[in-house]
Amino acid sequence: MSSGETRAFETFTALTVILLIIILAAFSINLAGFLASVEYQSPLVLEEYPFFIWTYRGLDVLTQVFLLFAATLGVVALLREDEGLGVEEEPVVESEGEG
């Protein structure tokens, strides 16, 4: 990567971080006001409402299936063997005349 590309990348990264900080600051003001307006509600007691677990069981199972699928894809992606040209890393040999 040349120095010009490095400088452009650093500038882009700095602008992105600044933009994210501005967005975070703008939304944190709204979030603080929202959290101050929320009233406390007592937590759901499962002894009083035992049907809650069984009512949303399908959603729970679908979430678990999705997480297992995502974990399996992650492991497969980490353990796959690439085939084809240019897969193996080659050492860089620098000549003594340069740099």
Foldseek 3Di string as FASTA:
>chain_A
DDPVVVVVVVVVVVVVVVVVVVVCVVVVVVVVVVVVPDDDDDDDDCVVPVCPCVVCVVVVVVVVVVVVVVVVVVVCVVPDDDDDPPPDDDDDDDDPPDD
